[in-house]
């Protein structure tokens, strides 16, 4: 899948987001090494901690299908600022793909691309246990 196609997949997921409380839709598209893509959207709940972010939705779908070979993820939002993963998502991504590229989009479709290690430097991992 091309970079533009992956970005388009994440943007399409904005319309599937369930965000009646924050009114902040987020879409994600996660690409595996062989080009397989798993998408996700944020899913809110009145009990806020119960909700799930788009990034973790996409990754959970992939992990539940036996995939762990993540190459890059696109995170899309509709605001003027780049839609960056929250701290919980950064830690979740680090567990499975610390070298993954994270492509953050704003509402204009502009991108900021960073390696996950730049979004979560000095992260906690299995080596601390």
Foldseek 3Di string as FASTA:
>chain_A
DDPVVQLVQQVVCQVVAAPPDPPKKKKKWWAFPVGDIFIFIWYADPVGVVIDHGLVRRVVVQVVVVDLRTAEMEMETQAPDWDDDDPVSLLVCCARCQQHKYWTAYNVRDTDIDGSCVVPPPDDYPVVD
